[in-house]
C-alpha atoms as a PDB file:
ATOM      1  CA  MET A   1     -18.175 -48.775  81.886  1.00  0.00           C
ATOM      2  CA  SER A   2     -18.604 -50.029  78.536  1.00  0.00           C
ATOM      3  CA  GLY A   3     -14.760 -50.169  77.380  1.00  0.00           C
ATOM      4  CA  ARG A   4     -11.642 -48.185  77.366  1.00  0.00           C
ATOM      5  CA  TYR A   5     -11.846 -44.574  76.480  1.00  0.00           C
ATOM      6  CA  GLU A   6      -8.898 -43.271  73.888  1.00  0.00           C
ATOM      7  CA  VAL A   7      -7.195 -40.163  75.362  1.00  0.00           C
ATOM      8  CA  VAL A   8      -6.253 -37.684  72.738  1.00  0.00           C
ATOM      9  CA  PHE A   9      -4.229 -34.469  73.428  1.00  0.00           C
ATOM     10  CA  ARG A  10      -4.986 -30.733  71.909  1.00  0.00           C
ATOM     11  CA  PRO A  11      -1.621 -29.704  70.426  1.00  0.00           C
ATOM     12  CA  ALA A  12      -1.585 -26.854  73.050  1.00  0.00           C
ATOM     13  CA  ALA A  13      -1.896 -29.390  75.348  1.00  0.00           C
ATOM     14  CA  ALA A  14       0.844 -31.514  74.233  1.00  0.00           C
ATOM     15  CA  ARG A  15       3.069 -28.764  74.176  1.00  0.00           C
ATOM     16  CA  GLN A  16       2.297 -27.731  77.996  1.00  0.00           C
ATOM     17  CA  ILE A  17       3.320 -30.968  78.742  1.00  0.00           C
ATOM     18  CA  LYS A  18       6.573 -30.938  76.967  1.00  0.00           C
ATOM     19  CA  ALA A  19       7.517 -27.872  78.485  1.00  0.00           C
ATOM     20  CA  LEU A  20       6.978 -29.114  82.316  1.00  0.00           C
ATOM     21  CA  ASP A  21       9.959 -30.783  84.074  1.00  0.00           C
ATOM     22  CA  LYS A  22      10.321 -34.554  83.796  1.00  0.00           C
ATOM     23  CA  PRO A  23       9.326 -35.950  87.030  1.00  0.00           C
ATOM     24  CA  THR A  24       6.048 -33.705  86.589  1.00  0.00           C
ATOM     25  CA  GLN A  25       5.484 -35.164  83.028  1.00  0.00           C
ATOM     26  CA  ILE A  26       5.590 -38.714  84.352  1.00  0.00           C
ATOM     27  CA  LYS A  27       2.715 -37.805  86.866  1.00  0.00           C
ATOM     28  CA  VAL A  28       0.642 -36.270  84.095  1.00  0.00           C
ATOM     29  CA  LYS A  29       0.911 -39.309  81.723  1.00  0.00           C
ATOM     30  CA  ASP A  30       0.064 -41.483  84.454  1.00  0.00           C
ATOM     31  CA  ALA A  31      -3.163 -39.377  85.277  1.00  0.00           C
ATOM     32  CA  THR A  32      -4.105 -39.392  81.402  1.00  0.00           C
ATOM     33  CA  GLU A  33      -3.494 -42.871  81.285  1.00  0.00           C
ATOM     34  CA  ALA A  34      -5.845 -43.728  84.209  1.00  0.00           C
ATOM     35  CA  LEU A  35      -8.251 -41.898  82.227  1.00  0.00           C
ATOM     36  CA  ARG A  36      -8.428 -44.595  79.830  1.00  0.00           C
ATOM     37  CA  ASP A  37     -10.609 -46.768  82.310  1.00  0.00           C
ATOM     38  CA  ASP A  38     -12.187 -44.183  84.483  1.00  0.00           C
ATOM     39  CA  PRO A  39     -12.334 -40.758  82.904  1.00  0.00           C
ATOM     40  CA  ARG A  40     -14.432 -39.561  85.783  1.00  0.00           C
ATOM     41  CA  PRO A  41     -12.042 -40.595  88.939  1.00  0.00           C
ATOM     42  CA  PRO A  42     -12.904 -39.853  92.197  1.00  0.00           C
ATOM     43  CA  GLY A  43     -11.664 -36.308  92.788  1.00  0.00           C
ATOM     44  CA  CYS A  44     -12.208 -34.853  89.397  1.00  0.00           C
ATOM     45  CA  VAL A  45     -14.266 -31.892  89.318  1.00  0.00           C
ATOM     46  CA  LYS A  46     -16.621 -31.040  86.436  1.00  0.00           C
ATOM     47  CA  MET A  47     -16.315 -27.461  85.493  1.00  0.00           C
ATOM     48  CA  ALA A  48     -18.934 -24.733  85.623  1.00  0.00           C
ATOM     49  CA  VAL A  49     -17.879 -23.662  81.673  1.00  0.00           C
ATOM     50  CA  GLY A  50     -18.199 -25.906  79.411  1.00  0.00           C
ATOM     51  CA  LYS A  51     -20.794 -28.395  79.158  1.00  0.00           C
ATOM     52  CA  ASP A  52     -18.543 -31.689  79.530  1.00  0.00           C
ATOM     53  CA  LEU A  53     -15.311 -29.900  80.856  1.00  0.00           C
ATOM     54  CA  TYR A  54     -13.729 -31.833  83.418  1.00  0.00           C
ATOM     55  CA  ARG A  55     -10.546 -31.099  85.767  1.00  0.00           C
ATOM     56  CA  VAL A  56      -8.328 -33.521  87.759  1.00  0.00           C
ATOM     57  CA  ARG A  57      -5.231 -32.392  89.998  1.00  0.00           C
ATOM     58  CA  ILE A  58      -1.808 -33.551  90.403  1.00  0.00           C
ATOM     59  CA  GLY A  59      -0.319 -31.788  93.072  1.00  0.00           C
ATOM     60  CA  ASP A  60       0.225 -27.958  92.076  1.00  0.00           C
ATOM     61  CA  TYR A  61      -0.755 -28.979  87.997  1.00  0.00           C
ATOM     62  CA  ARG A  62      -4.274 -29.531  86.764  1.00  0.00           C
ATOM     63  CA  ILE A  63      -5.550 -31.137  83.781  1.00  0.00           C
ATOM     64  CA  LEU A  64      -8.398 -29.919  82.106  1.00  0.00           C
ATOM     65  CA  TYR A  65     -10.088 -32.518  79.746  1.00  0.00           C
ATOM     66  CA  ILE A  66     -13.523 -33.118  77.775  1.00  0.00           C
ATOM     67  CA  ILE A  67     -15.464 -36.400  77.870  1.00  0.00           C
ATOM     68  CA  GLU A  68     -17.096 -37.725  74.473  1.00  0.00           C
ATOM     69  CA  ASP A  69     -19.104 -40.485  76.122  1.00  0.00           C
ATOM     70  CA  SER A  70     -20.567 -41.399  72.916  1.00  0.00           C
ATOM     71  CA  VAL A  71     -17.400 -42.150  71.099  1.00  0.00           C
ATOM     72  CA  LEU A  72     -15.049 -43.111  74.177  1.00  0.00           C
ATOM     73  CA  VAL A  73     -12.895 -40.285  74.006  1.00  0.00           C
ATOM     74  CA  VAL A  74     -11.157 -37.946  76.429  1.00  0.00           C
ATOM     75  CA  THR A  75      -9.725 -34.954  74.829  1.00  0.00           C
ATOM     76  CA  VAL A  76      -6.991 -33.238  77.296  1.00  0.00           C
ATOM     77  CA  VAL A  77      -7.533 -29.584  76.422  1.00  0.00           C
ATOM     78  CA  LYS A  78      -4.792 -27.825  78.890  1.00  0.00           C
ATOM     79  CA  VAL A  79      -2.316 -28.713  81.063  1.00  0.00           C
ATOM     80  CA  GLY A  80      -0.576 -26.342  83.615  1.00  0.00           C
ATOM     81  CA  ASN A  81       0.340 -25.108  87.237  1.00  0.00           C
ATOM     82  CA  ARG A  82      -3.145 -23.979  88.947  1.00  0.00           C
ATOM     83  CA  ARG A  83      -2.134 -20.614  89.275  1.00  0.00           C
ATOM     84  CA  ASP A  84      -2.134 -20.207  85.285  1.00  0.00           C
ATOM     85  CA  VAL A  85      -4.363 -23.099  83.755  1.00  0.00           C
ATOM     86  CA  TYR A  86      -7.635 -21.215  84.400  1.00  0.00           C
ATOM     87  CA  ARG A  87      -6.385 -18.455  82.392  1.00  0.00           C
ATOM     88  CA  PRO A  88      -7.627 -18.043  78.836  1.00  0.00           C
END
């Protein structure tokens, strides 16, 4: 890696995180912080839709994010329970 990535949150993703219970918020925060050093950690999945959309799993929750390697930015798009997060 050439450097640490900046992690930014879309407003909807920030609201979704705030709606979670505290223990889950902490797990999500830890996972997003880890994306700074490795935006493609073991277990992450590149989604079929969207050319740079990835998913990382935290228990029953998923973080959907976009990686922009050219500017070292990870944008968190959506956070939610696995049964709801893929719905438009």
